[in-house]
PDB file of all heavy atoms in Angstrom:
ATOM      1  N   ASN A   1     223.266-147.457  86.383  1.00  0.00           N
ATOM      2  CA  ASN A   1     222.392-146.749  87.331  1.00  0.00           C
ATOM      3  C   ASN A   1     222.846-145.312  87.574  1.00  0.00           C
ATOM      4  O   ASN A   1     222.123-144.516  88.175  1.00  0.00           O
ATOM      5  CB  ASN A   1     222.288-147.514  88.655  1.00  0.00           C
ATOM      6  CG  ASN A   1     223.615-147.597  89.403  1.00  0.00           C
ATOM      7  OD1 ASN A   1     224.617-147.011  88.999  1.00  0.00           O
ATOM      8  ND2 ASN A   1     223.634-148.346  90.502  1.00  0.00           N
ATOM      9  N   GLY A   2     224.062-144.962  87.134  1.00  0.00           N
ATOM     10  CA  GLY A   2     224.544-143.590  87.261  1.00  0.00           C
ATOM     11  C   GLY A   2     225.012-143.203  88.642  1.00  0.00           C
ATOM     12  O   GLY A   2     225.272-142.025  88.900  1.00  0.00           O
ATOM     13  N   ASP A   3     225.153-144.165  89.552  1.00  0.00           N
ATOM     14  CA  ASP A   3     225.533-143.868  90.933  1.00  0.00           C
ATOM     15  C   ASP A   3     227.050-143.691  91.020  1.00  0.00           C
ATOM     16  O   ASP A   3     227.805-144.650  90.901  1.00  0.00           O
ATOM     17  CB  ASP A   3     225.078-145.000  91.851  1.00  0.00           C
ATOM     18  CG  ASP A   3     225.250-144.653  93.330  1.00  0.00           C
ATOM     19  OD1 ASP A   3     225.866-143.603  93.627  1.00  0.00           O
ATOM     20  OD2 ASP A   3     224.773-145.429  94.181  1.00  0.00           O
ATOM     21  N   ILE A   4     227.490-142.469  91.273  1.00  0.00           N
ATOM     22  CA  ILE A   4     228.925-142.173  91.308  1.00  0.00           C
ATOM     23  C   ILE A   4     229.561-142.638  92.613  1.00  0.00           C
ATOM     24  O   ILE A   4     230.786-142.580  92.773  1.00  0.00           O
ATOM     25  CB  ILE A   4     229.157-140.664  91.071  1.00  0.00           C
ATOM     26  CG1 ILE A   4     230.577-140.422  90.549  1.00  0.00           C
ATOM     27  CG2 ILE A   4     228.895-139.865  92.345  1.00  0.00           C
ATOM     28  CD1 ILE A   4     230.849-139.026  90.108  1.00  0.00           C
ATOM     29  N   LEU A   5     228.752-143.122  93.547  1.00  0.00           N
ATOM     30  CA  LEU A   5     229.300-143.705  94.773  1.00  0.00           C
ATOM     31  C   LEU A   5     229.799-145.133  94.545  1.00  0.00           C
ATOM     32  O   LEU A   5     230.400-145.725  95.443  1.00  0.00           O
ATOM     33  CB  LEU A   5     228.252-143.688  95.887  1.00  0.00           C
ATOM     34  CG  LEU A   5     227.935-142.312  96.478  1.00  0.00           C
ATOM     35  CD1 LEU A   5     226.781-142.397  97.464  1.00  0.00           C
ATOM     36  CD2 LEU A   5     229.154-141.721  97.166  1.00  0.00           C
ATOM     37  N   GLU A   6     229.525-145.688  93.379  1.00  0.00           N
ATOM     38  CA  GLU A   6     230.015-147.016  93.037  1.00  0.00           C
ATOM     39  C   GLU A   6     231.325-146.876  92.257  1.00  0.00           C
ATOM     40  O   GLU A   6     231.367-146.211  91.213  1.00  0.00           O
ATOM     41  CB  GLU A   6     228.975-147.783  92.222  1.00  0.00           C
ATOM     42  CG  GLU A   6     227.687-148.050  93.003  1.00  0.00           C
ATOM     43  CD  GLU A   6     226.715-148.931  92.237  1.00  0.00           C
ATOM     44  OE1 GLU A   6     227.145-149.618  91.281  1.00  0.00           O
ATOM     45  OE2 GLU A   6     225.528-148.933  92.603  1.00  0.00           O
ATOM     46  N   VAL A   7     232.374-147.505  92.775  1.00  0.00           N
ATOM     47  CA  VAL A   7     233.715-147.361  92.193  1.00  0.00           C
ATOM     48  C   VAL A   7     233.746-147.815  90.739  1.00  0.00           C
ATOM     49  O   VAL A   7     234.432-147.216  89.899  1.00  0.00           O
ATOM     50  CB  VAL A   7     234.746-148.147  93.038  1.00  0.00           C
ATOM     51  CG1 VAL A   7     236.118-148.138  92.374  1.00  0.00           C
ATOM     52  CG2 VAL A   7     234.846-147.545  94.442  1.00  0.00           C
ATOM     53  N   THR A   8     232.984-148.863  90.407  1.00  0.00           N
ATOM     54  CA  THR A   8     232.964-149.341  89.014  1.00  0.00           C
ATOM     55  C   THR A   8     232.440-148.269  88.069  1.00  0.00           C
ATOM     56  O   THR A   8     232.913-148.155  86.932  1.00  0.00           O
ATOM     57  CB  THR A   8     232.089-150.602  88.880  1.00  0.00           C
ATOM     58  OG1 THR A   8     230.779-150.336  89.422  1.00  0.00           O
ATOM     59  CG2 THR A   8     232.708-151.782  89.607  1.00  0.00           C
ATOM     60  N   ASN A   9     231.492-147.479  88.530  1.00  0.00           N
ATOM     61  CA  ASN A   9     230.967-146.396  87.691  1.00  0.00           C
ATOM     62  C   ASN A   9     231.979-145.278  87.521  1.00  0.00           C
ATOM     63  O   ASN A   9     232.090-144.679  86.442  1.00  0.00           O
ATOM     64  CB  ASN A   9     229.669-145.843  88.291  1.00  0.00           C
ATOM     65  CG  ASN A   9     228.497-146.776  88.075  1.00  0.00           C
ATOM     66  OD1 ASN A   9     228.530-147.638  87.208  1.00  0.00           O
ATOM     67  ND2 ASN A   9     227.454-146.614  88.874  1.00  0.00           N
ATOM     68  N   ILE A  10     232.733-144.972  88.580  1.00  0.00           N
ATOM     69  CA  ILE A  10     233.773-143.945  88.478  1.00  0.00           C
ATOM     70  C   ILE A  10     234.841-144.383  87.482  1.00  0.00           C
ATOM     71  O   ILE A  10     235.234-143.630  86.579  1.00  0.00           O
ATOM     72  CB  ILE A  10     234.417-143.670  89.854  1.00  0.00           C
ATOM     73  CG1 ILE A  10     233.395-143.011  90.803  1.00  0.00           C
ATOM     74  CG2 ILE A  10     235.644-142.761  89.705  1.00  0.00           C
ATOM     75  CD1 ILE A  10     233.924-142.787  92.211  1.00  0.00           C
ATOM     76  N   LYS A  11     235.294-145.613  87.608  1.00  0.00           N
ATOM     77  CA  LYS A  11     236.364-146.104  86.731  1.00  0.00           C
ATOM     78  C   LYS A  11     235.904-146.186  85.272  1.00  0.00           C
ATOM     79  O   LYS A  11     236.673-145.880  84.357  1.00  0.00           O
ATOM     80  CB  LYS A  11     236.854-147.467  87.223  1.00  0.00           C
ATOM     81  CG  LYS A  11     237.664-147.379  88.516  1.00  0.00           C
ATOM     82  CD  LYS A  11     238.255-148.711  88.909  1.00  0.00           C
ATOM     83  CE  LYS A  11     239.174-148.560  90.108  1.00  0.00           C
ATOM     84  NZ  LYS A  11     239.803-149.844  90.511  1.00  0.00           N
ATOM     85  N   SER A  12     234.647-146.582  85.065  1.00  0.00           N
ATOM     86  CA  SER A  12     234.154-146.648  83.689  1.00  0.00           C
ATOM     87  C   SER A  12     233.977-145.261  83.088  1.00  0.00           C
ATOM     88  O   SER A  12     234.198-145.052  81.891  1.00  0.00           O
ATOM     89  CB  SER A  12     232.832-147.435  83.625  1.00  0.00           C
ATOM     90  OG  SER A  12     231.827-146.821  84.405  1.00  0.00           O
ATOM     91  N   LEU A  13     233.623-144.267  83.917  1.00  0.00           N
ATOM     92  CA  LEU A  13     233.529-142.878  83.450  1.00  0.00           C
ATOM     93  C   LEU A  13     234.913-142.354  83.059  1.00  0.00           C
ATOM     94  O   LEU A  13     235.069-141.694  82.028  1.00  0.00           O
ATOM     95  CB  LEU A  13     232.902-141.993  84.532  1.00  0.00           C
ATOM     96  CG  LEU A  13     232.810-140.493  84.220  1.00  0.00           C
ATOM     97  CD1 LEU A  13     231.942-140.233  82.996  1.00  0.00           C
ATOM     98  CD2 LEU A  13     232.276-139.716  85.419  1.00  0.00           C
ATOM     99  N   LEU A  14     235.914-142.659  83.886  1.00  0.00           N
ATOM    100  CA  LEU A  14     237.283-142.232  83.570  1.00  0.00           C
ATOM    101  C   LEU A  14     237.753-142.864  82.261  1.00  0.00           C
ATOM    102  O   LEU A  14     238.391-142.191  81.432  1.00  0.00           O
ATOM    103  CB  LEU A  14     238.232-142.621  84.711  1.00  0.00           C
ATOM    104  CG  LEU A  14     237.957-142.006  86.091  1.00  0.00           C
ATOM    105  CD1 LEU A  14     239.014-142.445  87.095  1.00  0.00           C
ATOM    106  CD2 LEU A  14     237.896-140.497  86.025  1.00  0.00           C
ATOM    107  N   ALA A  15     237.430-144.132  82.065  1.00  0.00           N
ATOM    108  CA  ALA A  15     237.814-144.812  80.827  1.00  0.00           C
ATOM    109  C   ALA A  15     237.087-144.221  79.622  1.00  0.00           C
ATOM    110  O   ALA A  15     237.667-144.049  78.540  1.00  0.00           O
ATOM    111  CB  ALA A  15     237.515-146.305  80.939  1.00  0.00           C
ATOM    112  N   HIS A  16     235.815-143.863  79.823  1.00  0.00           N
ATOM    113  CA  HIS A  16     234.996-143.288  78.751  1.00  0.00           C
ATOM    114  C   HIS A  16     235.553-141.939  78.286  1.00  0.00           C
ATOM    115  O   HIS A  16     235.418-141.578  77.113  1.00  0.00           O
ATOM    116  CB  HIS A  16     233.558-143.127  79.256  1.00  0.00           C
ATOM    117  CG  HIS A  16     232.600-142.600  78.240  1.00  0.00           C
ATOM    118  ND1 HIS A  16     232.142-143.347  77.180  1.00  0.00           N
ATOM    119  CD2 HIS A  16     231.999-141.378  78.128  1.00  0.00           C
ATOM    120  CE1 HIS A  16     231.309-142.624  76.455  1.00  0.00           C
ATOM    121  NE2 HIS A  16     231.204-141.427  77.006  1.00  0.00           N
ATOM    122  N   CYS A  17     236.191-141.202  79.210  1.00  0.00           N
ATOM    123  CA  CYS A  17     236.668-139.845  78.905  1.00  0.00           C
ATOM    124  C   CYS A  17     238.180-139.771  78.709  1.00  0.00           C
ATOM    125  O   CYS A  17     238.732-138.661  78.594  1.00  0.00           O
ATOM    126  CB  CYS A  17     236.276-138.894  80.044  1.00  0.00           C
ATOM    127  SG  CYS A  17     234.506-138.735  80.320  1.00  0.00           S
ATOM    128  N   GLN A  18     238.863-140.900  78.668  1.00  0.00           N
ATOM    129  CA  GLN A  18     240.321-140.892  78.694  1.00  0.00           C
ATOM    130  C   GLN A  18     240.961-140.196  77.494  1.00  0.00           C
ATOM    131  O   GLN A  18     242.073-139.684  77.580  1.00  0.00           O
ATOM    132  CB  GLN A  18     240.849-142.323  78.813  1.00  0.00           C
ATOM    133  CG  GLN A  18     240.550-143.218  77.627  1.00  0.00           C
ATOM    134  CD  GLN A  18     241.089-144.637  77.831  1.00  0.00           C
ATOM    135  OE1 GLN A  18     241.813-144.893  78.791  1.00  0.00           O
ATOM    136  NE2 GLN A  18     240.743-145.541  76.927  1.00  0.00           N
ATOM    137  N   ASP A  19     240.266-140.152  76.363  1.00  0.00           N
ATOM    138  CA  ASP A  19     240.840-139.520  75.171  1.00  0.00           C
ATOM    139  C   ASP A  19     240.414-138.062  75.003  1.00  0.00           C
ATOM    140  O   ASP A  19     240.742-137.431  73.992  1.00  0.00           O
ATOM    141  CB  ASP A  19     240.445-140.310  73.919  1.00  0.00           C
ATOM    142  CG  ASP A  19     241.022-141.718  73.923  1.00  0.00           C
ATOM    143  OD1 ASP A  19     242.144-141.891  74.450  1.00  0.00           O
ATOM    144  OD2 ASP A  19     240.346-142.642  73.424  1.00  0.00           O
ATOM    145  N   LEU A  20     239.674-137.539  75.969  1.00  0.00           N
ATOM    146  CA  LEU A  20     239.183-136.166  75.883  1.00  0.00           C
ATOM    147  C   LEU A  20     240.046-135.222  76.716  1.00  0.00           C
ATOM    148  O   LEU A  20     240.603-135.622  77.741  1.00  0.00           O
ATOM    149  CB  LEU A  20     237.731-136.084  76.382  1.00  0.00           C
ATOM    150  CG  LEU A  20     236.694-136.931  75.647  1.00  0.00           C
ATOM    151  CD1 LEU A  20     235.346-136.810  76.341  1.00  0.00           C
ATOM    152  CD2 LEU A  20     236.583-136.498  74.193  1.00  0.00           C
ATOM    153  N   GLU A  21     240.133-133.978  76.285  1.00  0.00           N
ATOM    154  CA  GLU A  21     240.774-132.947  77.100  1.00  0.00           C
ATOM    155  C   GLU A  21     239.676-132.257  77.899  1.00  0.00           C
ATOM    156  O   GLU A  21     238.831-131.551  77.337  1.00  0.00           O
ATOM    157  CB  GLU A  21     241.515-131.934  76.232  1.00  0.00           C
ATOM    158  CG  GLU A  21     242.220-130.867  77.057  1.00  0.00           C
ATOM    159  CD  GLU A  21     242.945-129.840  76.211  1.00  0.00           C
ATOM    160  OE1 GLU A  21     243.128-130.088  75.007  1.00  0.00           O
ATOM    161  OE2 GLU A  21     243.303-128.780  76.758  1.00  0.00           O
ATOM    162  N   ILE A  22     239.665-132.481  79.210  1.00  0.00           N
ATOM    163  CA  ILE A  22     238.607-131.943  80.076  1.00  0.00           C
ATOM    164  C   ILE A  22     239.112-130.654  80.727  1.00  0.00           C
ATOM    165  O   ILE A  22     240.023-130.674  81.548  1.00  0.00           O
ATOM    166  CB  ILE A  22     238.213-132.954  81.169  1.00  0.00           C
ATOM    167  CG1 ILE A  22     237.875-134.319  80.557  1.00  0.00           C
ATOM    168  CG2 ILE A  22     237.046-132.420  81.996  1.00  0.00           C
ATOM    169  CD1 ILE A  22     236.635-134.350  79.716  1.00  0.00           C
ATOM    170  N   ASN A  23     238.514-129.530  80.361  1.00  0.00           N
ATOM    171  CA  ASN A  23     238.942-128.227  80.879  1.00  0.00           C
ATOM    172  C   ASN A  23     238.136-127.762  82.093  1.00  0.00           C
ATOM    173  O   ASN A  23     238.606-126.918  82.859  1.00  0.00           O
ATOM    174  CB  ASN A  23     238.834-127.159  79.791  1.00  0.00           C
ATOM    175  CG  ASN A  23     239.594-127.528  78.530  1.00  0.00           C
ATOM    176  OD1 ASN A  23     239.006-127.670  77.469  1.00  0.00           O
ATOM    177  ND2 ASN A  23     240.900-127.718  78.645  1.00  0.00           N
ATOM    178  N   LEU A  24     236.928-128.287  82.232  1.00  0.00           N
ATOM    179  CA  LEU A  24     236.053-127.854  83.326  1.00  0.00           C
ATOM    180  C   LEU A  24     235.224-129.033  83.813  1.00  0.00           C
ATOM    181  O   LEU A  24     234.641-129.764  83.016  1.00  0.00           O
ATOM    182  CB  LEU A  24     235.118-126.729  82.846  1.00  0.00           C
ATOM    183  CG  LEU A  24     233.998-126.295  83.808  1.00  0.00           C
ATOM    184  CD1 LEU A  24     234.572-125.633  85.053  1.00  0.00           C
ATOM    185  CD2 LEU A  24     233.018-125.347  83.102  1.00  0.00           C
ATOM    186  N   VAL A  25     235.175-129.211  85.130  1.00  0.00           N
ATOM    187  CA  VAL A  25     234.281-130.202  85.741  1.00  0.00           C
ATOM    188  C   VAL A  25     233.382-129.484  86.736  1.00  0.00           C
ATOM    189  O   VAL A  25     233.858-128.694  87.558  1.00  0.00           O
ATOM    190  CB  VAL A  25     235.071-131.321  86.452  1.00  0.00           C
ATOM    191  CG1 VAL A  25     234.109-132.262  87.188  1.00  0.00           C
ATOM    192  CG2 VAL A  25     235.915-132.110  85.467  1.00  0.00           C
ATOM    193  N   THR A  26     232.085-129.721  86.641  1.00  0.00           N
ATOM    194  CA  THR A  26     231.147-129.162  87.611  1.00  0.00           C
ATOM    195  C   THR A  26     230.500-130.310  88.391  1.00  0.00           C
ATOM    196  O   THR A  26     230.120-131.321  87.816  1.00  0.00           O
ATOM    197  CB  THR A  26     230.039-128.325  86.924  1.00  0.00           C
ATOM    198  OG1 THR A  26     229.244-129.183  86.092  1.00  0.00           O
ATOM    199  CG2 THR A  26     230.645-127.227  86.075  1.00  0.00           C
ATOM    200  N   CYS A  27     230.409-130.153  89.704  1.00  0.00           N
ATOM    201  CA  CYS A  27     229.836-131.180  90.581  1.00  0.00           C
ATOM    202  C   CYS A  27     228.722-130.540  91.411  1.00  0.00           C
ATOM    203  O   CYS A  27     228.986-129.695  92.259  1.00  0.00           O
ATOM    204  CB  CYS A  27     230.896-131.757  91.506  1.00  0.00           C
ATOM    205  SG  CYS A  27     232.381-132.351  90.666  1.00  0.00           S
ATOM    206  N   ASP A  28     227.500-130.960  91.155  1.00  0.00           N
ATOM    207  CA  ASP A  28     226.348-130.310  91.777  1.00  0.00           C
ATOM    208  C   ASP A  28     225.467-131.328  92.520  1.00  0.00           C
ATOM    209  O   ASP A  28     224.299-131.110  92.737  1.00  0.00           O
ATOM    210  CB  ASP A  28     225.520-129.603  90.685  1.00  0.00           C
ATOM    211  CG  ASP A  28     224.539-128.606  91.273  1.00  0.00           C
ATOM    212  OD1 ASP A  28     224.876-127.998  92.299  1.00  0.00           O
ATOM    213  OD2 ASP A  28     223.449-128.445  90.714  1.00  0.00           O
ATOM    214  N   GLY A  29     226.071-132.461  92.894  1.00  0.00           N
ATOM    215  CA  GLY A  29     225.286-133.535  93.505  1.00  0.00           C
ATOM    216  C   GLY A  29     224.904-133.260  94.946  1.00  0.00           C
ATOM    217  O   GLY A  29     225.513-132.442  95.634  1.00  0.00           O
ATOM    218  N   SER A  30     223.889-133.987  95.399  1.00  0.00           N
ATOM    219  CA  SER A  30     223.473-133.909  96.801  1.00  0.00           C
ATOM    220  C   SER A  30     222.709-135.176  97.157  1.00  0.00           C
ATOM    221  O   SER A  30     222.432-136.019  96.300  1.00  0.00           O
ATOM    222  CB  SER A  30     222.607-132.675  97.055  1.00  0.00           C
ATOM    223  OG  SER A  30     222.366-132.541  98.447  1.00  0.00           O
ATOM    224  N   ILE A  31     222.393-135.311  98.433  1.00  0.00           N
ATOM    225  CA  ILE A  31     221.616-136.438  98.954  1.00  0.00           C
ATOM    226  C   ILE A  31     220.498-135.861  99.809  1.00  0.00           C
ATOM    227  O   ILE A  31     220.710-134.892 100.545  1.00  0.00           O
ATOM    228  CB  ILE A  31     222.507-137.381  99.793  1.00  0.00           C
ATOM    229  CG1 ILE A  31     223.588-138.019  98.899  1.00  0.00           C
ATOM    230  CG2 ILE A  31     221.680-138.467 100.474  1.00  0.00           C
ATOM    231  CD1 ILE A  31     224.624-138.832  99.654  1.00  0.00           C
ATOM    232  N   ASP A  32     219.328-136.437  99.720  1.00  0.00           N
ATOM    233  CA  ASP A  32     218.171-135.965 100.489  1.00  0.00           C
ATOM    234  C   ASP A  32     218.456-136.103 101.993  1.00  0.00           C
ATOM    235  O   ASP A  32     218.686-137.200 102.491  1.00  0.00           O
ATOM    236  CB  ASP A  32     216.936-136.777 100.105  1.00  0.00           C
ATOM    237  CG  ASP A  32     215.664-136.240 100.760  1.00  0.00           C
ATOM    238  OD1 ASP A  32     215.757-135.224 101.482  1.00  0.00           O
ATOM    239  OD2 ASP A  32     214.594-136.831 100.547  1.00  0.00           O
ATOM    240  N   CYS A  33     218.459-134.974 102.689  1.00  0.00           N
ATOM    241  CA  CYS A  33     218.758-134.968 104.131  1.00  0.00           C
ATOM    242  C   CYS A  33     217.587-134.433 104.946  1.00  0.00           C
ATOM    243  O   CYS A  33     217.785-133.932 106.069  1.00  0.00           O
ATOM    244  CB  CYS A  33     220.002-134.122 104.407  1.00  0.00           C
ATOM    245  SG  CYS A  33     221.476-134.659 103.525  1.00  0.00           S
ATOM    246  N   LEU A  34     216.373-134.514 104.405  1.00  0.00           N
ATOM    247  CA  LEU A  34     215.210-133.951 105.099  1.00  0.00           C
ATOM    248  C   LEU A  34     214.986-134.584 106.464  1.00  0.00           C
ATOM    249  O   LEU A  34     214.520-133.926 107.400  1.00  0.00           O
ATOM    250  CB  LEU A  34     213.951-134.132 104.237  1.00  0.00           C
ATOM    251  CG  LEU A  34     213.805-133.164 103.050  1.00  0.00           C
ATOM    252  CD1 LEU A  34     212.574-133.517 102.229  1.00  0.00           C
ATOM    253  CD2 LEU A  34     213.720-131.717 103.535  1.00  0.00           C
ATOM    254  N   ASP A  35     215.316-135.861 106.616  1.00  0.00           N
ATOM    255  CA  ASP A  35     215.110-136.537 107.893  1.00  0.00           C
ATOM    256  C   ASP A  35     216.176-136.180 108.920  1.00  0.00           C
ATOM    257  O   ASP A  35     215.944-136.297 110.125  1.00  0.00           O
ATOM    258  CB  ASP A  35     215.093-138.063 107.700  1.00  0.00           C
ATOM    259  CG  ASP A  35     213.900-138.522 106.874  1.00  0.00           C
ATOM    260  OD1 ASP A  35     212.871-137.806 106.877  1.00  0.00           O
ATOM    261  OD2 ASP A  35     213.993-139.583 106.224  1.00  0.00           O
ATOM    262  N   GLU A  36     217.351-135.759 108.449  1.00  0.00           N
ATOM    263  CA  GLU A  36     218.449-135.391 109.349  1.00  0.00           C
ATOM    264  C   GLU A  36     219.138-134.117 108.854  1.00  0.00           C
ATOM    265  O   GLU A  36     220.311-134.137 108.483  1.00  0.00           O
ATOM    266  CB  GLU A  36     219.485-136.515 109.432  1.00  0.00           C
ATOM    267  CG  GLU A  36     219.011-137.795 110.068  1.00  0.00           C
ATOM    268  CD  GLU A  36     220.137-138.815 110.160  1.00  0.00           C
ATOM    269  OE1 GLU A  36     220.962-138.710 111.097  1.00  0.00           O
ATOM    270  OE2 GLU A  36     220.217-139.685 109.276  1.00  0.00           O
TER     271      GLU A  36
END
């Protein structure tokens, strides 16, 4: 489902990238806050 708020998804992403050299990470996420 791609939800990074789920720990299983975070851990599987880390495992997926474990052999890569990651030089840059960009985080552009948000949550709809129109009601609040």
